[in-house]
């Protein structure tokens, strides 16, 4: 989850701290998701997998229209993610080319097996199983010093993890 641009000051101290700690971790996931249930729920806005490199205005339009997950994109664009005109119309955008580039980028980030899962789902051959376990994710401390974690906090975190402690 990309935390840049999120306003955390309206959250309680607990949740604000939770998001700060989440930002101090480096997350790693397998390239391929074998679960249709979790694949369709993969966020396309502020997610950790799909890069939305077209700017904040398009991200804002996706949020306003409640198109936040890959499943919602598939509903609008079809299993091959090729209906850029339909998504552009839903987002009230004139530039079908920009939306087409975005869809192409997302499609390239999917493996062939994931595209096959989506196609089988759209053809009624496979249904999402809500009992699927959450995809594997590994978290490691990111001890690089940035504006968000420099100073005493980063020093304490570094000391904590180098002494053999874990989260």
N, C-alpha and C. Protein backbone atom coordinates (compact mmCIF):
# COMPACT_ATOMS: atom_id res chain seq x y z
N UNK A 1 0.85 -1.17 0.00
CA UNK A 1 0.00 0.00 0.00
C UNK A 1 0.89 1.22 0.00
N UNK A 2 0.63 2.11 -0.92
CA UNK A 2 1.39 3.34 -1.03
C UNK A 2 0.76 4.38 -0.11
N UNK A 3 1.53 4.81 0.89
CA UNK A 3 0.99 5.74 1.88
C UNK A 3 1.23 7.20 1.53
N UNK A 4 1.95 7.46 0.44
CA UNK A 4 2.21 8.84 0.06
C UNK A 4 0.89 9.52 -0.32
N UNK A 5 0.70 10.69 0.17
CA UNK A 5 -0.50 11.44 -0.17
C UNK A 5 -1.68 11.18 0.75
N UNK A 6 -1.58 10.19 1.63
CA UNK A 6 -2.66 9.95 2.57
C UNK A 6 -2.52 10.88 3.77
N UNK A 7 -3.63 11.43 4.20
CA UNK A 7 -3.62 12.29 5.39
C UNK A 7 -3.90 11.42 6.60
N UNK A 8 -2.89 11.25 7.44
CA UNK A 8 -3.02 10.39 8.60
C UNK A 8 -3.42 11.17 9.86
N UNK A 9 -3.45 12.50 9.76
CA UNK A 9 -3.72 13.30 10.96
C UNK A 9 -5.16 13.19 11.44
N UNK A 10 -6.08 12.70 10.62
CA UNK A 10 -7.48 12.54 11.04
C UNK A 10 -7.73 11.19 11.71
N UNK A 11 -6.71 10.33 11.71
CA UNK A 11 -6.86 9.01 12.32
C UNK A 11 -6.52 9.08 13.80
N UNK A 12 -6.99 8.09 14.54
CA UNK A 12 -6.63 8.01 15.96
C UNK A 12 -5.13 7.72 16.05
N UNK A 13 -4.58 7.93 17.23
CA UNK A 13 -3.16 7.69 17.44
C UNK A 13 -2.75 6.27 17.11
N UNK A 14 -3.61 5.32 17.46
CA UNK A 14 -3.30 3.92 17.19
C UNK A 14 -3.15 3.67 15.69
N UNK A 15 -4.16 4.07 14.90
CA UNK A 15 -4.12 3.79 13.47
C UNK A 15 -3.06 4.63 12.76
N UNK A 16 -2.85 5.86 13.21
CA UNK A 16 -1.78 6.68 12.65
C UNK A 16 -0.44 6.01 12.86
N UNK A 17 -0.21 5.49 14.08
CA UNK A 17 1.03 4.77 14.38
C UNK A 17 1.16 3.49 13.57
N UNK A 18 0.04 2.80 13.39
CA UNK A 18 0.04 1.57 12.61
C UNK A 18 0.48 1.84 11.18
N UNK A 19 -0.05 2.89 10.57
CA UNK A 19 0.35 3.23 9.21
C UNK A 19 1.81 3.67 9.14
N UNK A 20 2.29 4.37 10.16
CA UNK A 20 3.70 4.77 10.19
C UNK A 20 4.62 3.55 10.24
N UNK A 21 4.28 2.59 11.08
CA UNK A 21 5.08 1.38 11.17
C UNK A 21 5.01 0.60 9.86
N UNK A 22 3.84 0.52 9.26
CA UNK A 22 3.69 -0.18 7.97
C UNK A 22 4.61 0.45 6.93
N UNK A 23 4.76 1.77 6.97
CA UNK A 23 5.64 2.46 6.03
C UNK A 23 7.12 2.17 6.27
N UNK A 24 7.46 1.67 7.45
CA UNK A 24 8.85 1.35 7.75
C UNK A 24 9.23 -0.07 7.32
N UNK A 25 8.27 -0.81 6.78
CA UNK A 25 8.52 -2.18 6.38
C UNK A 25 8.61 -2.30 4.87
N UNK A 26 9.47 -3.19 4.43
CA UNK A 26 9.59 -3.53 3.01
C UNK A 26 8.80 -4.82 2.82
N UNK A 27 7.84 -4.80 1.90
CA UNK A 27 6.97 -5.93 1.69
C UNK A 27 7.37 -6.67 0.42
N UNK A 28 7.38 -8.00 0.48
CA UNK A 28 7.67 -8.83 -0.69
C UNK A 28 6.57 -9.87 -0.84
N UNK A 29 6.13 -10.03 -2.09
CA UNK A 29 5.09 -11.01 -2.39
C UNK A 29 5.50 -11.80 -3.62
N UNK A 30 4.98 -13.02 -3.76
CA UNK A 30 5.24 -13.77 -4.99
C UNK A 30 4.66 -13.04 -6.19
N UNK A 31 5.25 -13.25 -7.34
CA UNK A 31 4.79 -12.59 -8.56
C UNK A 31 3.37 -12.99 -8.94
N UNK A 32 3.04 -14.25 -8.75
CA UNK A 32 1.77 -14.79 -9.23
C UNK A 32 0.82 -15.08 -8.07
N UNK A 33 -0.43 -14.74 -8.26
CA UNK A 33 -1.46 -15.02 -7.25
C UNK A 33 -2.30 -16.18 -7.76
N UNK A 34 -2.34 -17.28 -7.00
CA UNK A 34 -3.08 -18.45 -7.44
C UNK A 34 -4.55 -18.43 -7.03
N UNK A 35 -4.97 -17.43 -6.29
CA UNK A 35 -6.34 -17.36 -5.79
C UNK A 35 -7.13 -16.32 -6.59
N UNK A 36 -8.19 -16.76 -7.24
CA UNK A 36 -9.06 -15.84 -7.97
C UNK A 36 -9.71 -14.85 -7.02
N UNK A 37 -10.10 -15.32 -5.83
CA UNK A 37 -10.73 -14.46 -4.85
C UNK A 37 -9.85 -13.26 -4.53
N UNK A 38 -8.59 -13.49 -4.20
CA UNK A 38 -7.69 -12.39 -3.81
C UNK A 38 -7.20 -11.61 -5.02
N UNK A 39 -7.09 -12.26 -6.17
CA UNK A 39 -6.68 -11.55 -7.39
C UNK A 39 -7.70 -10.47 -7.75
N UNK A 40 -8.98 -10.81 -7.67
CA UNK A 40 -10.02 -9.84 -8.01
C UNK A 40 -10.12 -8.71 -6.98
N UNK A 41 -9.60 -8.93 -5.80
CA UNK A 41 -9.61 -7.90 -4.75
C UNK A 41 -8.31 -7.12 -4.66
N UNK A 42 -7.41 -7.38 -5.59
CA UNK A 42 -6.13 -6.66 -5.61
C UNK A 42 -6.40 -5.18 -5.91
N UNK A 43 -5.92 -4.27 -5.06
CA UNK A 43 -6.17 -2.84 -5.30
C UNK A 43 -5.42 -2.33 -6.53
N UNK A 44 -6.06 -1.47 -7.29
CA UNK A 44 -5.41 -0.84 -8.44
C UNK A 44 -5.05 0.62 -8.14
N UNK A 45 -5.54 1.12 -7.01
CA UNK A 45 -5.23 2.48 -6.59
C UNK A 45 -4.53 2.39 -5.24
N UNK A 46 -3.37 3.00 -5.14
CA UNK A 46 -2.56 2.97 -3.92
C UNK A 46 -2.24 1.56 -3.47
N UNK A 47 -2.19 0.65 -4.42
CA UNK A 47 -1.86 -0.73 -4.09
C UNK A 47 -0.37 -0.95 -4.08
N UNK A 48 0.03 -2.14 -3.71
CA UNK A 48 1.44 -2.43 -3.68
C UNK A 48 1.88 -3.19 -4.92
N UNK A 49 0.94 -3.70 -5.69
CA UNK A 49 1.30 -4.50 -6.85
C UNK A 49 1.13 -3.74 -8.16
N UNK A 50 -0.04 -3.21 -8.40
CA UNK A 50 -0.30 -2.52 -9.65
C UNK A 50 0.14 -1.06 -9.55
N UNK A 51 1.00 -0.68 -10.44
CA UNK A 51 1.50 0.69 -10.46
C UNK A 51 0.56 1.53 -11.30
N UNK A 52 0.07 2.60 -10.73
CA UNK A 52 -0.81 3.53 -11.44
C UNK A 52 0.01 4.77 -11.74
N UNK A 53 0.87 4.67 -12.75
CA UNK A 53 1.83 5.73 -13.03
C UNK A 53 1.31 6.79 -13.99
N UNK A 54 0.04 7.11 -13.92
CA UNK A 54 -0.53 8.08 -14.86
C UNK A 54 -0.90 9.39 -14.20
N UNK A 55 -0.63 9.50 -12.93
CA UNK A 55 -0.86 10.77 -12.27
C UNK A 55 -1.98 10.75 -11.27
N UNK A 56 -1.97 11.73 -10.39
CA UNK A 56 -2.95 11.77 -9.30
C UNK A 56 -4.38 12.04 -9.76
N UNK A 57 -4.56 12.76 -10.88
CA UNK A 57 -5.93 13.07 -11.31
C UNK A 57 -6.68 11.81 -11.74
N UNK A 58 -6.02 10.89 -12.42
CA UNK A 58 -6.68 9.65 -12.83
C UNK A 58 -6.92 8.76 -11.61
N UNK A 59 -5.99 8.73 -10.68
CA UNK A 59 -6.21 7.98 -9.44
C UNK A 59 -7.42 8.54 -8.69
N UNK A 60 -7.54 9.85 -8.67
CA UNK A 60 -8.67 10.48 -8.00
C UNK A 60 -9.98 10.10 -8.69
N UNK A 61 -9.99 10.09 -10.01
CA UNK A 61 -11.22 9.70 -10.74
C UNK A 61 -11.59 8.25 -10.45
N UNK A 62 -10.58 7.36 -10.40
CA UNK A 62 -10.86 5.96 -10.06
C UNK A 62 -11.48 5.86 -8.67
N UNK A 63 -10.96 6.62 -7.73
CA UNK A 63 -11.51 6.61 -6.37
C UNK A 63 -12.93 7.16 -6.34
N UNK A 64 -13.16 8.26 -7.04
CA UNK A 64 -14.50 8.88 -7.05
C UNK A 64 -15.54 7.95 -7.67
N UNK A 65 -15.14 7.18 -8.67
CA UNK A 65 -16.07 6.26 -9.33
C UNK A 65 -16.09 4.88 -8.67
N UNK A 66 -15.36 4.72 -7.58
CA UNK A 66 -15.31 3.48 -6.81
C UNK A 66 -14.81 2.30 -7.64
N UNK A 67 -13.84 2.56 -8.49
CA UNK A 67 -13.16 1.49 -9.23
C UNK A 67 -11.80 1.34 -8.55
N UNK A 68 -11.76 0.48 -7.54
CA UNK A 68 -10.60 0.39 -6.67
C UNK A 68 -9.86 -0.94 -6.76
N UNK A 69 -10.52 -1.97 -7.28
CA UNK A 69 -9.90 -3.30 -7.33
C UNK A 69 -9.83 -3.81 -8.76
N UNK A 70 -9.00 -4.82 -8.96
CA UNK A 70 -8.89 -5.43 -10.28
C UNK A 70 -10.23 -6.02 -10.71
N UNK A 71 -10.98 -6.59 -9.79
CA UNK A 71 -12.29 -7.14 -10.12
C UNK A 71 -13.23 -6.08 -10.67
N UNK A 72 -13.20 -4.87 -10.11
CA UNK A 72 -14.05 -3.79 -10.60
C UNK A 72 -13.58 -3.32 -11.98
N UNK A 73 -12.28 -3.35 -12.23
CA UNK A 73 -11.77 -3.00 -13.56
C UNK A 73 -12.22 -4.05 -14.57
N UNK A 74 -12.15 -5.32 -14.19
CA UNK A 74 -12.57 -6.40 -15.08
C UNK A 74 -14.05 -6.28 -15.41
N UNK A 75 -14.88 -5.89 -14.44
CA UNK A 75 -16.31 -5.70 -14.69
C UNK A 75 -16.55 -4.66 -15.77
N UNK A 76 -15.74 -3.60 -15.78
CA UNK A 76 -15.92 -2.51 -16.74
C UNK A 76 -15.24 -2.83 -18.07
N UNK A 77 -14.05 -3.42 -18.02
CA UNK A 77 -13.22 -3.56 -19.23
C UNK A 77 -13.21 -4.95 -19.85
N UNK A 78 -13.75 -5.94 -19.16
CA UNK A 78 -13.75 -7.29 -19.68
C UNK A 78 -12.50 -8.05 -19.27
N UNK A 79 -12.49 -9.37 -19.54
CA UNK A 79 -11.40 -10.23 -19.07
C UNK A 79 -10.04 -9.93 -19.70
N UNK A 80 -10.03 -9.33 -20.87
CA UNK A 80 -8.74 -9.02 -21.51
C UNK A 80 -8.27 -7.60 -21.21
N UNK A 81 -9.01 -6.89 -20.37
CA UNK A 81 -8.69 -5.50 -20.02
C UNK A 81 -8.44 -4.66 -21.28
N UNK A 82 -9.37 -4.79 -22.23
CA UNK A 82 -9.18 -4.09 -23.50
C UNK A 82 -10.26 -3.07 -23.84
N UNK A 83 -11.19 -2.83 -22.94
CA UNK A 83 -12.25 -1.87 -23.21
C UNK A 83 -11.89 -0.52 -22.59
N UNK A 84 -10.89 0.13 -23.16
CA UNK A 84 -10.44 1.42 -22.65
C UNK A 84 -11.52 2.48 -22.81
N UNK A 85 -12.28 2.40 -23.89
CA UNK A 85 -13.35 3.39 -24.11
C UNK A 85 -14.41 3.29 -23.02
N UNK A 86 -14.75 2.07 -22.61
CA UNK A 86 -15.74 1.89 -21.55
C UNK A 86 -15.27 2.46 -20.21
N UNK A 87 -13.99 2.21 -19.88
CA UNK A 87 -13.45 2.75 -18.63
C UNK A 87 -13.32 4.27 -18.71
N UNK A 88 -12.89 4.79 -19.86
CA UNK A 88 -12.78 6.25 -20.02
C UNK A 88 -14.15 6.91 -19.87
N UNK A 89 -15.16 6.28 -20.44
CA UNK A 89 -16.52 6.81 -20.33
C UNK A 89 -17.00 6.79 -18.88
N UNK A 90 -16.74 5.69 -18.18
CA UNK A 90 -17.15 5.56 -16.78
C UNK A 90 -16.45 6.61 -15.91
N UNK A 91 -15.19 6.94 -16.26
CA UNK A 91 -14.43 7.92 -15.49
C UNK A 91 -14.65 9.35 -15.99
N UNK A 92 -15.48 9.51 -17.02
CA UNK A 92 -15.75 10.82 -17.63
C UNK A 92 -14.46 11.46 -18.15
N UNK A 93 -13.64 10.66 -18.82
CA UNK A 93 -12.39 11.15 -19.40
C UNK A 93 -12.50 11.15 -20.92
N UNK A 94 -11.87 12.13 -21.54
CA UNK A 94 -11.88 12.20 -23.01
C UNK A 94 -10.74 11.40 -23.62
N UNK A 95 -9.65 11.23 -22.89
CA UNK A 95 -8.46 10.58 -23.42
C UNK A 95 -8.53 9.06 -23.25
N UNK A 96 -8.99 8.40 -24.30
CA UNK A 96 -9.03 6.95 -24.30
C UNK A 96 -7.61 6.40 -24.37
N UNK A 97 -6.70 7.15 -25.00
CA UNK A 97 -5.31 6.71 -25.14
C UNK A 97 -4.64 6.55 -23.78
N UNK A 98 -4.85 7.49 -22.86
CA UNK A 98 -4.24 7.41 -21.53
C UNK A 98 -4.80 6.21 -20.78
N UNK A 99 -6.10 6.00 -20.86
CA UNK A 99 -6.71 4.86 -20.18
C UNK A 99 -6.22 3.56 -20.81
N UNK A 100 -6.06 3.54 -22.12
CA UNK A 100 -5.54 2.36 -22.80
C UNK A 100 -4.13 2.02 -22.34
N UNK A 101 -3.29 3.04 -22.17
CA UNK A 101 -1.93 2.83 -21.68
C UNK A 101 -1.94 2.27 -20.26
N UNK A 102 -2.84 2.78 -19.43
CA UNK A 102 -2.96 2.30 -18.06
C UNK A 102 -3.38 0.83 -18.05
N UNK A 103 -4.39 0.48 -18.84
CA UNK A 103 -4.86 -0.91 -18.90
C UNK A 103 -3.77 -1.83 -19.43
N UNK A 104 -3.03 -1.37 -20.42
CA UNK A 104 -1.93 -2.17 -20.97
C UNK A 104 -0.87 -2.42 -19.90
N UNK A 105 -0.57 -1.39 -19.12
CA UNK A 105 0.41 -1.52 -18.04
C UNK A 105 -0.05 -2.55 -17.01
N UNK A 106 -1.31 -2.47 -16.60
CA UNK A 106 -1.83 -3.42 -15.63
C UNK A 106 -1.84 -4.83 -16.20
N UNK A 107 -2.19 -4.96 -17.48
CA UNK A 107 -2.23 -6.27 -18.11
C UNK A 107 -0.84 -6.90 -18.16
N UNK A 108 0.17 -6.09 -18.41
CA UNK A 108 1.55 -6.60 -18.45
C UNK A 108 2.03 -7.04 -17.07
N UNK A 109 1.43 -6.51 -16.01
CA UNK A 109 1.82 -6.87 -14.66
C UNK A 109 1.15 -8.17 -14.19
N UNK A 110 0.24 -8.69 -14.99
CA UNK A 110 -0.43 -9.95 -14.67
C UNK A 110 0.28 -11.10 -15.39
N UNK A 111 0.38 -12.25 -14.71
CA UNK A 111 0.98 -13.42 -15.35
C UNK A 111 -0.06 -14.07 -16.28
N UNK A 112 0.41 -14.98 -17.12
CA UNK A 112 -0.50 -15.68 -18.03
C UNK A 112 -1.52 -16.51 -17.25
N UNK A 113 -1.08 -17.11 -16.14
CA UNK A 113 -2.02 -17.92 -15.34
C UNK A 113 -3.09 -17.04 -14.69
N UNK A 114 -2.72 -15.83 -14.29
CA UNK A 114 -3.70 -14.91 -13.71
C UNK A 114 -4.69 -14.43 -14.76
N UNK A 115 -4.21 -14.15 -15.96
CA UNK A 115 -5.12 -13.77 -17.06
C UNK A 115 -6.07 -14.92 -17.38
N UNK A 116 -5.56 -16.16 -17.32
CA UNK A 116 -6.42 -17.33 -17.56
C UNK A 116 -7.47 -17.46 -16.46
N UNK A 117 -7.10 -17.19 -15.20
CA UNK A 117 -8.07 -17.22 -14.09
C UNK A 117 -9.19 -16.21 -14.31
N UNK A 118 -8.80 -15.01 -14.74
CA UNK A 118 -9.79 -13.95 -14.97
C UNK A 118 -10.71 -14.34 -16.12
N UNK A 119 -10.14 -14.88 -17.20
CA UNK A 119 -10.95 -15.30 -18.35
C UNK A 119 -11.92 -16.41 -17.96
N UNK A 120 -11.44 -17.38 -17.18
CA UNK A 120 -12.32 -18.48 -16.73
C UNK A 120 -13.45 -17.93 -15.86
N UNK A 121 -13.14 -16.96 -15.02
CA UNK A 121 -14.17 -16.34 -14.17
C UNK A 121 -15.22 -15.63 -15.03
N UNK A 122 -14.78 -14.85 -16.00
CA UNK A 122 -15.71 -14.10 -16.84
C UNK A 122 -16.54 -15.01 -17.74
N UNK A 123 -16.00 -16.18 -18.07
CA UNK A 123 -16.75 -17.15 -18.89
C UNK A 123 -17.61 -18.07 -18.05
N UNK A 124 -17.64 -17.85 -16.73
CA UNK A 124 -18.48 -18.65 -15.84
C UNK A 124 -17.90 -20.01 -15.50
N UNK A 125 -16.63 -20.24 -15.82
CA UNK A 125 -16.02 -21.54 -15.56
C UNK A 125 -15.40 -21.65 -14.17
N UNK A 126 -15.15 -20.53 -13.53
CA UNK A 126 -14.50 -20.53 -12.22
C UNK A 126 -15.11 -19.42 -11.38
N UNK A 127 -15.35 -19.74 -10.12
CA UNK A 127 -15.90 -18.76 -9.19
C UNK A 127 -14.88 -18.49 -8.09
N UNK A 128 -14.86 -17.27 -7.58
CA UNK A 128 -13.95 -16.97 -6.46
C UNK A 128 -14.34 -17.76 -5.22
N UNK A 129 -13.35 -18.28 -4.53
CA UNK A 129 -13.58 -19.04 -3.31
C UNK A 129 -13.15 -18.17 -2.13
N UNK A 130 -14.12 -17.71 -1.35
CA UNK A 130 -13.80 -16.82 -0.24
C UNK A 130 -13.10 -17.54 0.92
N UNK A 131 -12.91 -18.84 0.80
CA UNK A 131 -12.14 -19.58 1.80
C UNK A 131 -10.66 -19.68 1.45
N UNK A 132 -10.26 -19.12 0.32
CA UNK A 132 -8.83 -19.13 -0.05
C UNK A 132 -8.03 -18.36 0.99
N UNK A 133 -6.87 -18.88 1.32
CA UNK A 133 -6.03 -18.19 2.30
C UNK A 133 -5.40 -16.95 1.65
N UNK A 134 -5.07 -15.99 2.50
CA UNK A 134 -4.47 -14.75 2.02
C UNK A 134 -3.12 -15.07 1.38
N UNK A 135 -2.78 -14.44 0.25
CA UNK A 135 -1.51 -14.73 -0.42
C UNK A 135 -0.31 -14.46 0.48
N UNK A 136 0.73 -15.23 0.26
CA UNK A 136 1.94 -15.11 1.06
C UNK A 136 2.54 -13.71 0.94
N UNK A 137 2.97 -13.18 2.06
CA UNK A 137 3.61 -11.87 2.09
C UNK A 137 4.70 -11.91 3.15
N UNK A 138 5.85 -11.37 2.81
CA UNK A 138 6.94 -11.28 3.77
C UNK A 138 7.23 -9.82 4.04
N UNK A 139 7.45 -9.50 5.30
CA UNK A 139 7.75 -8.13 5.70
C UNK A 139 9.14 -8.08 6.34
N UNK A 140 9.92 -7.09 5.93
CA UNK A 140 11.26 -6.89 6.47
C UNK A 140 11.40 -5.43 6.85
N UNK A 141 12.21 -5.14 7.86
CA UNK A 141 12.42 -3.73 8.20
C UNK A 141 13.17 -3.02 7.08
N UNK A 142 12.69 -1.86 6.70
CA UNK A 142 13.36 -1.03 5.70
C UNK A 142 14.12 0.04 6.47
N UNK A 143 15.41 -0.18 6.63
CA UNK A 143 16.20 0.70 7.48
C UNK A 143 16.87 1.83 6.70
N UNK A 144 16.41 2.07 5.49
CA UNK A 144 16.96 3.21 4.75
C UNK A 144 16.42 4.48 5.40
N UNK A 145 17.24 5.49 5.48
CA UNK A 145 16.85 6.73 6.15
C UNK A 145 16.21 7.66 5.13
N UNK A 146 14.94 7.97 5.37
CA UNK A 146 14.20 8.89 4.53
C UNK A 146 13.61 9.96 5.44
N UNK A 147 12.91 10.91 4.82
CA UNK A 147 12.28 11.97 5.63
C UNK A 147 11.30 11.39 6.65
N UNK A 148 10.62 10.31 6.29
CA UNK A 148 9.58 9.78 7.17
C UNK A 148 10.13 8.99 8.35
N UNK A 149 11.38 8.52 8.28
CA UNK A 149 11.84 7.68 9.38
C UNK A 149 13.25 8.02 9.85
N UNK A 150 13.74 9.20 9.56
CA UNK A 150 15.10 9.50 10.00
C UNK A 150 15.12 9.93 11.46
N UNK A 151 16.27 9.88 12.05
CA UNK A 151 16.42 10.36 13.42
C UNK A 151 16.32 9.27 14.45
N UNK A 152 15.83 9.64 15.61
CA UNK A 152 15.82 8.75 16.77
C UNK A 152 14.96 7.51 16.52
N UNK A 153 13.76 7.69 15.91
CA UNK A 153 12.89 6.54 15.67
C UNK A 153 13.60 5.48 14.84
N UNK A 154 14.25 5.89 13.76
CA UNK A 154 14.94 4.93 12.89
C UNK A 154 16.09 4.27 13.64
N UNK A 155 16.79 5.04 14.47
CA UNK A 155 17.87 4.46 15.25
C UNK A 155 17.38 3.40 16.21
N UNK A 156 16.26 3.66 16.87
CA UNK A 156 15.68 2.69 17.79
C UNK A 156 15.21 1.44 17.06
N UNK A 157 14.59 1.65 15.91
CA UNK A 157 14.11 0.51 15.13
C UNK A 157 15.30 -0.32 14.65
N UNK A 158 16.35 0.34 14.18
CA UNK A 158 17.53 -0.37 13.73
C UNK A 158 18.13 -1.18 14.87
N UNK A 159 18.23 -0.58 16.04
CA UNK A 159 18.78 -1.25 17.22
C UNK A 159 17.90 -2.46 17.58
N UNK A 160 16.59 -2.29 17.50
CA UNK A 160 15.66 -3.35 17.84
C UNK A 160 15.84 -4.56 16.92
N UNK A 161 15.91 -4.32 15.61
CA UNK A 161 16.00 -5.43 14.68
C UNK A 161 17.38 -6.06 14.63
N UNK A 162 18.42 -5.30 14.90
CA UNK A 162 19.76 -5.87 14.87
C UNK A 162 20.08 -6.65 16.13
N UNK A 163 19.28 -6.53 17.15
CA UNK A 163 19.48 -7.30 18.40
C UNK A 163 18.79 -8.66 18.32
N UNK A 164 18.23 -9.01 17.16
CA UNK A 164 17.61 -10.31 16.98
C UNK A 164 16.14 -10.37 17.31
N UNK A 165 15.52 -9.23 17.53
CA UNK A 165 14.08 -9.21 17.79
C UNK A 165 13.34 -9.27 16.48
N UNK A 166 12.07 -9.61 16.53
CA UNK A 166 11.23 -9.66 15.33
C UNK A 166 9.92 -8.97 15.63
N UNK A 167 9.17 -8.68 14.56
CA UNK A 167 7.85 -8.08 14.72
C UNK A 167 6.87 -9.06 15.29
